[in-house]
Structure formats: structure tokens, C-alpha cells
Protein backbone atom coordinates (compact mmCIF):
# COMPACT_ATOMS: atom_id res chain seq x y z
CA VAL A 1 100.24 116.48 226.17
CA LYS A 2 99.35 115.75 222.56
CA THR A 3 95.67 114.96 221.97
CA PRO A 4 94.72 113.09 218.79
CA PHE A 5 91.60 114.11 216.88
CA TYR A 6 89.95 112.76 213.74
CA ARG A 7 88.61 114.86 210.86
CA VAL A 8 86.37 113.66 208.03
CA ILE A 9 87.46 114.81 204.57
CA GLU A 10 85.59 114.42 201.28
CA SER A 11 87.36 114.22 197.89
CA VAL A 12 85.23 115.66 195.07
CA ASN A 13 85.60 115.44 191.27
CA VAL A 14 85.39 118.55 189.05
CA ASP A 15 86.39 118.33 185.36
CA GLY A 16 89.06 115.72 186.01
CA HIS A 17 90.46 117.64 188.99
CA THR A 18 89.97 116.70 192.64
CA PHE A 19 89.39 119.08 195.55
CA THR A 20 88.73 118.32 199.19
CA GLY A 21 86.21 119.58 201.70
CA GLU A 22 86.42 119.44 205.48
CA TRP A 23 83.39 118.33 207.51
CA ARG A 24 82.23 120.64 210.30
CA ALA A 25 79.43 120.12 212.84
CA VAL A 26 77.52 123.30 212.01
CA LYS A 27 73.86 123.98 212.85
CA GLY A 28 71.69 121.27 211.30
CA SER A 29 74.34 118.59 211.73
CA ALA A 30 73.51 115.49 213.79
CA TYR A 31 76.65 116.30 215.82
CA PHE A 32 76.03 120.04 216.40
CA GLU A 33 77.54 120.95 219.82
CA SER A 34 78.05 117.22 220.60
CA PRO A 35 80.42 116.31 223.49
CA LYS A 36 82.00 113.77 221.13
CA LEU A 37 83.65 116.57 219.14
CA TYR A 38 87.14 117.98 219.30
CA LYS A 39 86.31 121.54 218.19
CA GLU A 40 83.62 121.66 215.50
CA ASN A 41 85.63 119.90 212.80
CA GLY A 42 86.83 116.67 214.35
CA PHE A 43 86.09 113.83 216.75
CA LYS A 44 87.87 112.78 219.91
CA GLU A 45 87.48 109.10 218.94
CA LYS A 46 88.21 107.51 215.56
CA GLU A 47 85.13 105.23 215.90
CA GLU A 48 82.82 108.28 215.81
CA ALA A 49 84.41 109.48 212.56
CA GLN A 50 83.93 105.99 211.10
CA LYS A 51 80.26 106.00 212.18
CA LEU A 52 79.70 109.36 210.46
CA ILE A 53 81.22 108.06 207.20
CA ALA A 54 79.04 104.93 207.39
CA VAL A 55 75.90 107.08 207.84
CA LEU A 56 76.83 109.35 204.91
CA LYS A 57 77.40 106.37 202.60
CA GLU A 58 74.11 104.64 203.51
CA GLY A 59 71.84 103.93 200.55
CA THR A 60 73.64 106.21 198.10
CA SER A 61 75.68 104.80 195.24
CA PRO A 62 77.43 106.50 193.59
CA LEU A 63 78.03 108.99 196.39
CA THR A 64 77.32 112.63 195.48
CA CYS A 65 77.25 116.02 197.20
CA ARG A 66 75.27 119.17 196.44
CA ILE A 67 76.64 122.73 196.47
CA VAL A 68 74.61 124.68 199.05
CA SER A 69 76.69 127.86 199.04
CA ILE A 70 79.35 129.42 196.83
CA GLU A 71 80.89 132.83 197.55
CA LYS A 72 83.29 134.61 195.22
CA LYS A 73 85.27 137.69 196.14
CA LYS A 74 88.47 139.59 195.44
CA GLU A 75 91.00 140.25 198.18
CA LYS A 76 93.68 142.92 197.99
CA LYS A 77 96.98 142.48 199.80
CA ASN A 78 98.94 145.71 200.24
CA PRO A 79 102.74 145.86 200.20
CA PRO A 80 103.98 145.55 203.81
CA LEU A 81 105.41 148.52 205.70
CA LEU A 82 109.15 149.12 205.45
CA PHE A 83 111.70 147.45 207.73
CA ASN A 84 112.54 148.66 211.18
CA LEU A 85 115.38 146.80 212.89
CA ALA A 86 113.11 144.30 214.70
CA GLU A 87 111.26 143.34 211.51
CA LEU A 88 114.52 142.99 209.58
CA GLN A 89 116.01 140.82 212.35
CA ASN A 90 112.92 138.59 212.26
CA GLU A 91 113.04 138.30 208.45
CA CYS A 92 116.76 137.44 208.42
CA SER A 93 116.31 134.88 211.19
CA LYS A 94 113.61 133.15 209.09
CA ARG A 95 115.34 133.41 205.71
CA PHE A 96 119.03 133.07 206.47
CA LYS A 97 118.99 131.50 209.98
CA ILE A 98 121.19 134.26 211.39
CA SER A 99 120.88 135.75 214.86
CA PRO A 100 119.53 139.28 215.54
CA ASP A 101 123.02 140.21 216.71
CA GLU A 102 124.50 139.11 213.36
CA THR A 103 121.76 140.96 211.42
CA LEU A 104 122.52 144.16 213.34
CA ARG A 105 126.25 143.74 212.68
CA ILE A 106 125.61 143.28 208.93
CA VAL A 107 123.15 146.17 208.57
CA GLN A 108 125.53 148.41 210.57
CA GLU A 109 128.28 147.53 208.06
CA LEU A 110 125.93 148.33 205.15
CA TYR A 111 125.12 151.67 206.83
CA GLU A 112 128.81 152.50 207.32
CA LYS A 113 129.39 151.79 203.62
CA LYS A 114 126.54 154.25 202.91
CA LEU A 115 124.39 151.52 201.29
CA VAL A 116 121.41 151.78 203.69
CA THR A 117 119.99 154.32 206.14
CA TYR A 118 120.50 154.26 209.92
CA PRO A 119 119.70 150.74 211.21
CA ARG A 120 118.81 151.25 214.91
CA THR A 121 115.25 152.38 214.31
CA ASP A 122 111.80 151.43 215.56
CA ALA A 123 109.95 153.21 212.72
CA ARG A 124 108.47 151.38 209.73
CA VAL A 125 107.61 154.52 207.75
CA LEU A 126 109.40 157.48 206.13
CA SER A 127 109.29 161.17 206.97
CA THR A 128 107.63 163.66 204.63
CA ALA A 129 111.02 165.28 203.97
CA VAL A 130 112.57 161.97 202.86
CA SER A 131 109.55 161.09 200.68
CA LYS A 132 110.04 164.32 198.68
CA GLU A 133 113.63 163.28 197.83
CA ILE A 134 112.84 159.59 197.19
CA THR A 135 113.67 159.79 193.45
CA LYS A 136 117.36 160.10 194.47
CA ASN A 137 117.21 156.64 196.07
CA LEU A 138 115.37 155.20 193.05
CA ASN A 139 117.77 156.77 190.52
CA GLY A 140 120.70 155.29 192.42
CA LEU A 141 119.11 151.83 192.49
CA SER A 142 118.47 151.93 188.74
CA LYS A 143 122.22 151.25 188.42
CA TYR A 144 121.89 148.12 190.60
CA GLN A 145 121.49 144.97 188.51
CA MET A 146 118.82 143.32 190.71
CA ALA A 147 116.67 146.46 191.00
CA ALA A 148 116.99 147.80 187.44
CA PRO A 149 114.29 145.57 185.83
CA TYR A 150 111.64 146.98 188.20
CA MET A 151 112.31 150.66 187.42
CA GLN A 152 110.10 150.73 184.30
CA ASP A 153 107.15 149.45 186.35
CA ILE A 154 107.80 152.03 189.07
CA LEU A 155 107.88 154.85 186.50
CA HIS A 156 104.66 153.50 184.96
CA TYR A 157 102.75 153.30 188.28
CA GLY A 158 104.00 156.75 189.38
CA VAL A 159 103.39 156.10 193.10
CA TYR A 160 106.68 157.87 193.95
CA LYS A 161 105.15 161.23 192.92
CA ASN A 162 102.55 161.14 195.70
CA LEU A 163 104.38 158.91 198.19
CA ALA A 164 103.77 161.43 200.99
CA LYS A 165 100.02 160.69 200.83
CA THR A 166 100.46 156.91 201.30
CA ARG A 167 100.61 154.87 204.53
CA TYR A 168 104.39 154.54 204.07
CA VAL A 169 104.93 158.16 205.15
CA ASN A 170 103.90 159.38 208.60
CA ASP A 171 105.86 161.94 210.59
CA LYS A 172 103.91 161.13 213.78
CA GLN A 173 105.19 157.53 213.81
CA ILE A 174 108.85 158.56 213.75
CA THR A 175 110.75 159.28 216.95
CA ASP A 176 114.47 159.50 216.12
CA HIS A 177 114.95 157.75 212.79
CA TYR A 178 112.81 156.62 209.87
CA ALA A 179 112.64 153.08 208.39
CA ILE A 180 115.64 151.23 206.95
CA ILE A 181 115.83 151.80 203.18
CA PRO A 182 118.58 151.59 200.53
CA THR A 183 120.25 154.93 199.81
CA GLY A 184 120.99 154.06 196.18
CA GLN A 185 124.60 155.10 196.84
CA GLY A 186 127.87 153.24 197.39
CA LEU A 187 126.94 150.25 195.20
CA SER A 188 130.60 149.47 194.45
CA ALA A 189 131.03 148.69 198.17
CA LEU A 190 128.83 145.60 197.70
CA ASN A 191 131.86 143.86 196.18
CA SER A 192 133.60 143.99 199.56
CA VAL A 193 130.82 142.52 201.75
CA SER A 194 130.03 138.88 202.53
CA ALA A 195 127.46 136.86 200.55
CA THR A 196 125.07 136.98 203.56
CA ALA A 197 125.41 140.78 203.78
CA HIS A 198 124.62 140.96 200.04
CA HIS A 199 121.45 138.88 200.65
CA VAL A 200 120.40 141.16 203.54
CA TYR A 201 120.89 144.20 201.28
CA ASP A 202 118.72 142.57 198.59
CA VAL A 203 115.94 141.92 201.16
CA ILE A 204 115.99 145.62 202.15
CA VAL A 205 115.94 146.70 198.47
CA ARG A 206 113.01 144.41 197.59
CA ARG A 207 110.93 145.62 200.56
CA PHE A 208 111.68 149.24 199.54
CA LEU A 209 110.78 148.73 195.85
CA SER A 210 107.55 146.93 196.85
CA ILE A 211 105.96 150.13 198.20
CA PHE A 212 105.94 151.66 194.70
CA TYR A 213 103.80 148.78 193.37
CA PRO A 214 100.02 148.26 193.59
CA PRO A 215 98.50 145.63 195.93
CA ALA A 216 98.48 141.96 194.93
CA VAL A 217 94.94 140.78 194.10
CA TYR A 218 93.67 137.30 194.90
CA GLN A 219 90.40 135.84 193.61
CA LYS A 220 88.80 133.68 196.29
CA VAL A 221 86.04 131.10 196.32
CA ALA A 222 84.44 129.69 199.49
CA LEU A 223 82.44 126.54 198.77
CA VAL A 224 80.02 124.61 201.01
CA THR A 225 78.82 121.17 199.89
CA GLN A 226 76.29 118.92 201.60
CA ILE A 227 75.81 115.14 201.91
CA GLY A 228 72.57 114.36 203.74
CA LYS A 229 72.46 116.76 206.71
CA GLU A 230 76.23 117.19 206.90
CA GLN A 231 78.21 120.07 205.40
CA PHE A 232 81.78 120.22 204.06
CA PHE A 233 83.81 123.41 203.62
CA SER A 234 86.49 124.32 201.06
CA ASN A 235 88.39 127.55 200.37
CA PHE A 236 90.33 128.28 197.19
CA ARG A 237 92.23 131.20 195.80
CA VAL A 238 94.29 132.14 192.77
CA LEU A 239 96.64 135.07 192.30
CA ALA A 240 94.83 137.32 189.79
CA GLU A 241 97.24 140.29 189.78
CA GLU A 242 100.83 139.97 190.99
CA GLY A 243 101.20 143.59 192.12
CA TYR A 244 104.06 144.04 194.59
CA LEU A 245 104.69 140.26 194.72
CA LYS A 246 106.53 140.70 191.42
CA VAL A 247 109.33 142.26 193.50
CA ALA A 248 108.82 140.62 196.89
CA GLY A 249 108.33 137.12 195.46
CA VAL A 250 105.13 135.05 195.38
CA PRO A 251 104.76 132.96 198.57
CA ALA A 252 105.00 129.20 198.03
CA PRO A 253 101.50 127.76 197.44
CA LYS A 254 99.87 125.88 200.28
CA LYS A 255 100.23 122.24 199.35
CA ASN A 256 97.71 120.61 201.69
CA ALA A 257 94.49 119.66 200.01
CA ASN A 258 92.11 121.56 202.23
CA GLY A 259 94.23 124.33 203.68
CA ASN A 260 94.11 123.34 207.34
CA ASP A 261 96.74 123.95 209.95
CA ALA A 262 97.94 121.48 212.60
CA GLU A 263 94.98 122.19 214.84
CA GLY A 264 92.61 121.49 211.98
CA ASP A 265 91.01 124.91 212.05
CA GLY A 266 91.11 125.88 208.39
CA SER A 267 88.58 128.69 208.47
CA ASP A 268 91.01 131.40 207.34
CA ASN A 269 93.19 129.29 205.08
CA ASN A 270 93.01 128.99 201.33
CA VAL A 271 94.34 126.40 198.93
CA ASP A 272 96.33 128.05 196.15
CA LEU A 273 95.19 126.59 192.80
CA ASP A 274 96.53 126.86 189.27
CA ALA A 275 94.46 128.99 186.89
CA ALA A 276 92.87 126.06 184.94
CA PHE A 277 91.63 124.30 188.07
CA PHE A 278 90.42 127.61 189.53
CA ALA A 279 88.45 128.31 186.32
CA SER A 280 86.64 124.96 186.79
CA ILE A 281 85.83 125.88 190.41
CA GLN A 282 84.53 129.31 189.35
CA LYS A 283 82.03 127.76 186.90
CA LEU A 284 80.28 125.91 189.72
CA LYS A 285 76.97 127.26 191.00
CA LYS A 286 74.58 126.66 193.87
CA GLY A 287 72.56 123.45 193.45
CA ASP A 288 75.19 121.65 191.32
CA ILE A 289 75.55 117.92 192.10
CA LEU A 290 79.15 116.63 192.17
CA ASP A 291 80.64 113.13 192.42
CA VAL A 292 82.33 112.28 195.73
CA LYS A 293 85.37 110.08 195.08
CA SER A 294 85.92 109.16 198.72
CA LEU A 295 85.33 110.02 202.37
CA ASP A 296 88.45 109.66 204.48
CA ILE A 297 89.52 110.08 208.07
CA LYS A 298 92.46 112.41 208.59
CA GLU A 299 94.18 112.02 211.93
CA GLY A 300 95.73 115.09 213.50
CA GLU A 301 97.06 115.96 216.91
CA THR A 302 97.11 119.09 219.00
CA SER A 303 100.46 120.81 219.14
CA PRO A 304 101.86 123.27 221.67
CA PRO A 305 102.57 126.86 220.58
CA LYS A 306 105.69 127.11 218.41
CA ARG A 307 108.92 127.85 220.25
CA TYR A 308 110.36 131.30 219.81
CA ASN A 309 113.20 131.66 217.35
CA SER A 310 115.68 134.52 217.53
CA GLY A 311 113.60 136.64 215.12
CA SER A 312 110.16 136.10 216.66
CA MET A 313 111.68 136.73 220.11
CA ILE A 314 112.86 140.17 218.96
CA LEU A 315 109.29 140.99 217.82
CA ALA A 316 107.88 139.68 221.12
CA MET A 317 110.30 141.97 222.98
CA GLU A 318 109.33 144.93 220.80
CA ASN A 319 105.63 144.36 221.49
CA ALA A 320 105.89 143.32 225.13
CA GLY A 321 103.37 146.00 226.02
CA GLN A 322 100.62 143.80 224.58
CA LEU A 323 100.95 141.58 227.65
CA ILE A 324 99.70 144.41 229.87
CA GLU A 325 95.95 144.67 230.49
CA ASP A 326 95.93 148.16 232.04
CA GLU A 327 95.28 150.60 229.15
CA GLU A 328 97.30 153.49 230.61
CA LEU A 329 100.33 151.37 231.44
CA ARG A 330 100.16 149.70 228.02
CA ALA A 331 100.29 153.11 226.35
CA GLN A 332 103.30 153.95 228.52
CA ILE A 333 105.37 151.03 227.28
CA LYS A 334 104.06 151.15 223.69
CA GLY A 335 106.85 151.36 221.16
CA SER A 336 109.55 150.55 223.68
CA GLY A 337 108.63 147.10 224.96
CA ILE A 338 111.64 145.27 226.39
CA GLY A 339 114.85 147.04 225.40
CA THR A 340 115.21 149.28 222.34
CA SER A 341 115.98 148.54 218.71
CA ALA A 342 119.66 149.07 219.57
CA THR A 343 119.77 146.81 222.65
CA ARG A 344 117.39 143.86 222.07
CA ALA A 345 119.93 141.74 220.20
CA GLU A 346 122.51 142.40 222.94
CA ILE A 347 120.02 141.43 225.67
CA LEU A 348 119.44 138.09 223.92
CA LYS A 349 123.18 137.60 223.32
CA LYS A 350 123.87 138.17 227.02
CA LEU A 351 121.21 135.59 228.02
CA PHE A 352 122.90 133.05 225.72
CA ASN A 353 126.38 133.91 227.04
CA ILE A 354 125.38 133.53 230.69
CA LYS A 355 123.60 130.27 229.82
CA TYR A 356 120.08 131.29 230.90
CA LEU A 357 118.88 130.53 227.36
CA ALA A 358 120.15 128.17 224.66
CA LEU A 359 120.22 128.95 220.93
CA ASN A 360 120.21 126.30 218.20
CA LYS A 361 122.42 128.05 215.63
CA LYS A 362 121.13 125.92 212.77
CA THR A 363 117.42 126.59 213.34
CA GLN A 364 117.72 129.76 215.49
CA VAL A 365 115.20 128.19 217.93
CA ILE A 366 115.51 129.44 221.52
CA THR A 367 115.01 127.16 224.55
CA PRO A 368 115.51 127.73 228.28
CA THR A 369 118.36 126.04 230.14
CA LEU A 370 118.01 124.40 233.54
CA LEU A 371 119.91 127.35 235.02
CA GLY A 372 117.48 129.74 233.28
CA GLU A 373 114.47 127.90 234.73
CA MET A 374 116.06 127.97 238.19
CA ILE A 375 116.63 131.73 237.98
CA TYR A 376 113.01 132.20 236.87
CA ASP A 377 111.72 130.07 239.78
CA VAL A 378 113.88 131.95 242.29
CA VAL A 379 112.53 135.33 241.13
CA LEU A 380 108.96 133.99 240.90
CA ASN A 381 109.13 132.84 244.53
CA SER A 382 110.86 135.94 245.90
CA ILE A 383 110.06 139.16 243.97
CA ARG A 384 107.31 138.12 241.55
CA SER A 385 106.68 141.68 240.29
CA LEU A 386 110.13 141.68 238.61
CA LEU A 387 108.70 139.25 236.03
CA ASN A 388 105.80 141.53 235.14
CA PRO A 389 106.15 144.07 232.28
CA GLU A 390 103.73 146.30 234.22
CA LEU A 391 106.59 147.07 236.62
CA THR A 392 108.74 148.39 233.75
CA ALA A 393 105.78 150.39 232.48
CA SER A 394 105.09 151.97 235.87
CA TRP A 395 108.75 153.07 236.25
CA GLU A 396 108.61 154.48 232.70
CA LYS A 397 105.48 156.36 233.70
CA GLY A 398 107.29 157.79 236.72
CA LEU A 399 110.19 158.96 234.54
CA ASN A 400 107.67 160.71 232.27
CA TYR A 401 106.20 162.48 235.33
CA VAL A 402 109.71 163.70 236.19
CA ALA A 403 110.25 164.88 232.60
CA GLU A 404 106.91 166.72 232.65
CA GLY A 405 107.62 168.29 236.05
CA GLU A 406 104.72 166.56 237.86
CA ILE A 407 107.08 165.00 240.41
CA THR A 408 110.71 165.76 241.29
CA SER A 409 113.61 163.42 240.57
CA ASP A 410 114.11 163.10 244.38
CA GLU A 411 110.53 161.84 244.79
CA TYR A 412 111.12 159.30 242.02
CA MET A 413 114.37 158.07 243.58
CA THR A 414 112.76 157.82 247.03
CA LYS A 415 110.10 155.50 245.57
CA LEU A 416 112.72 153.46 243.75
CA ASP A 417 114.88 153.18 246.90
CA HIS A 418 111.86 152.09 248.93
CA PHE A 419 110.96 149.43 246.35
CA ILE A 420 114.49 147.96 246.30
CA VAL A 421 115.06 148.05 250.08
CA SER A 422 111.62 146.64 251.00
CA ARG A 423 111.84 143.81 248.43
CA THR A 424 115.41 142.93 249.41
CA ASN A 425 114.50 142.79 253.10
CA GLY A 426 111.50 140.66 252.17
CA VAL A 427 113.76 138.16 250.38
CA LEU A 428 116.20 138.04 253.30
CA GLY A 429 113.36 136.99 255.60
CA LEU A 430 111.81 134.41 253.26
CA ASN A 431 113.64 131.23 254.28
CA ASN A 432 112.09 129.45 251.26
CA GLN A 433 114.95 127.15 250.25
CA TYR A 434 112.79 123.99 250.53
CA GLN A 435 110.17 125.47 248.23
CA LEU A 436 112.93 126.35 245.72
CA ARG A 437 114.38 122.84 245.99
CA SER A 438 111.06 121.32 244.85
CA CYS A 439 110.93 123.83 241.95
CA TYR A 440 114.43 122.75 240.92
CA GLU A 441 113.58 119.04 241.07
CA ARG A 442 110.43 119.57 238.99
CA ALA A 443 112.38 121.43 236.28
CA ALA A 444 115.44 119.16 236.41
CA ALA A 445 113.34 116.16 235.32
CA PHE A 446 113.22 117.68 231.83
CA TYR A 447 116.99 118.12 231.62
CA LYS A 448 118.16 114.66 232.72
CA LYS A 449 119.91 113.78 229.47
CA GLU A 450 121.81 117.04 229.48
CA THR A 451 122.94 116.71 233.10
CA LYS A 452 123.97 113.03 232.71
CA GLY A 453 126.07 113.97 229.71
CA ARG A 454 127.73 116.74 231.66
CA ALA A 455 128.29 114.49 234.68
CA SER A 456 130.03 111.76 232.67
CA LYS A 457 132.11 114.38 230.89
CA GLY A 458 133.13 115.76 234.29
CA LYS A 459 134.21 112.33 235.55
CA LYS A 460 136.44 111.78 232.50
CA GLU A 461 138.07 115.14 233.02
């Protein structure tokens, strides 16, 4: 259920520019820890926000604020690790709105044409042996039109000479295959692939070239202004040194005036400013008095967590072990999660084909179907442990014991047999159809439109 909340925002003048600050009920505020608040930066009722504005405006004309704190610092952002299959599938889902299955098909084709390395990998780093030969990949890419302009920079920085000492090389993090990178070979084969496959290849090339660049450097300013007892917070940043973003692309600047997300918790967000405006902000110092143009109420509303899309679902499957609280079991499932890099896309595809999940091909957003919810409810009310990743982890642990000789394969199979037989017999004796009926009716209420449409279609047929 959406809950509205009301934030108070100040607009402040600096050298002809305007920036905004967000009010928060910090210590010293008349509203500190008040039950009238929604979090510390908004009110449950609009009237309370209006009262606060009225109090702040009392007896002061023109309205001004005083800088009580200004912090300046530099922040480095390192090039990301290389692509494994899950990360690439997530990136392609976001950028090109293609399914993980389609991404795997494309990257498999690029591999068969010798353009990229083996795609079904969980590793995001290279092996020491590959890092020593990396100039072969770079030399090959220097003949590729998109990559060629970056080669001078890469030669200048010289990172490739000591790549083995960077975080992008780690033999311990590789099981079967290293990360997906361009080989630098077979470039003529790009003429025979689809436009989407060409885009996917470019994404892999850009991620690879990024690791030979220095970090991007942002200059940041955190500003706190005060009107009466109440404090307002603003965060700004400007890109000081492009670094690897020259290859990867500079993210689009955050447009909103005070860098807050839907929930209104802007503590970690920064407004990206142009250099001239940022220079004005940097000149400010503690104690400065600034003109306040206006105090406004900004209405927001709580929003549920974002739905999974096909890319974020692949990452959730890869990291399913994070859902497990038991440390030992979590370690057991680490790196494998649900499925493997080779099977996750197929698992999703199967769930779409058997209509347990629905995929919006345009947005790649995944939703359950009524049938999917029914299946979930049936399992939840019969063999609940099947829905828990701890079960997978414990069977994995057992298989490891067999591999290490701590138990025999017969002992393992006896346990597995017992689990299956006892749970099946338990289900046979449940007689819980009425309970399941109420589960169905509760879920079906959310699918009425869909079922009506199907029913009328059925009648016509």
C-alpha cells in the first residue's frame, strides 16, 4: 500500500545558480524523533510540513540560511571487474532489453567465431597465464575501429605490463574458465553477425579496455545549511578526472535537484553539476549567509521493491546463497547459487514456457502467473523445505562429503531416499485441499482481468 509523505525543500541562490537542500529532523531540530515524521526527512501529514515552513519564515525577510558545515573530498571509482556470464546477461537485459537466453546465444556465437573467450563462466577475473599474454588481445583490438582510439592511452598508462598484480587477475577465483574478454581475433566475422550481436561485442570490448585505465575521480561537496534550529542537507559532485569512463561512457547526470530517490532518503546520492556551478559551490565556506529563494513541499510516496527483470533475476540466482543465514551452509552454496552460468538462462526459459512466470519482452520485467502462485502455495503448504535454498546447500554439502570420502555414496543415497519417501508420504496424508482452495482464491483476486479475458476468449472459440 502506497504511503504518501511530505518533504521540505529549500532553494538557495549562489552566483546566479540555484541549488536545493533537503530538511532532516536531526538532533537539535524541534521535530527530532517526533512521531509525526515519516523517516527523518519527511512528514506523514502535509499540514505538519506547512507548519514547519510557516515557523521558518516567521519574522525573517528576506529569508536567509547559514552554512554550518561544508565537507570537500575526492572519491575514486575503479573500473569494474570483467564480465562473467551472469553480469553480461544483466547488462544486456538493461541496455538492449534482451533475455539471458538470447544473450547466451549471442555470446556463444561470438565465441564460435573466435571473437570472445568461453562464455559459460562464473569468474570475473583473469588467470596469471592469460595476463602475461594480454598484449596479443590488445594488438588484435588495435585493428578494430571502435577500440583503436583508446590504444594510445593504454600504451601511455602501461597498466598491461603489471596486470598480474591488479585485482583483475586472481587464480584463486577461477574454477573452470576465466572472465569473458575479446580475443582480438576474427574481426572480419563481425560483418556476418546481427546488429545486436555487434552491440554485445562492443560492450565486452569496452569493459575489457576499461581495466587498463586509471580510476575515475569525482570531487564531492557535502553542504549543511541552517534556518533557525532546522538543518538542510545537499550533496554535489563533479567529474574531475574521466579515467576509465572515457571508454565505458560517463553515466547520465542525476537530474533531480537534491539527489533523492523515491523513498526520499538521499544520504548517499549526489547531484552531478557542471564545472562552473561546482566552482561556485566550492568557494563557499562555513558561516556564509545565503539567500533562500523559496521553501517548498515535495510530495513523495513509498514504493515497493522493484520487480525483477531478466538480468537482475540471473544475478539473484547467482547469489542465492546470500539468503542463507547459516555461515557454513552459505559457504557451501557460494559461487553456485541456483543453477550454473550455463543453466540459469535455461531455468528461466523453462519457467516462462510452462507458464509459471511471465516475461514482458519489451521491458524484460518478470512477473508470476496465477499458475505459478498456485504451484508456490501448494509446495509451501506441503513440503515447505523445497522452497528454502538451505536444502540445496545441505545436499551440496553431502555431495562434498562423498567427494572427500567422509561418507559413502550409499549413505548419501539412503538419506536422499528417506527424505523423498517421508515427504511424499507426508503429502499423501495431508488432506489439505480446503486450505489450498483459500490460497488459490486469495491469489486469484489479483488476476481477475487476465482470467476474464481468457474466459471470454474460450466462449468465442
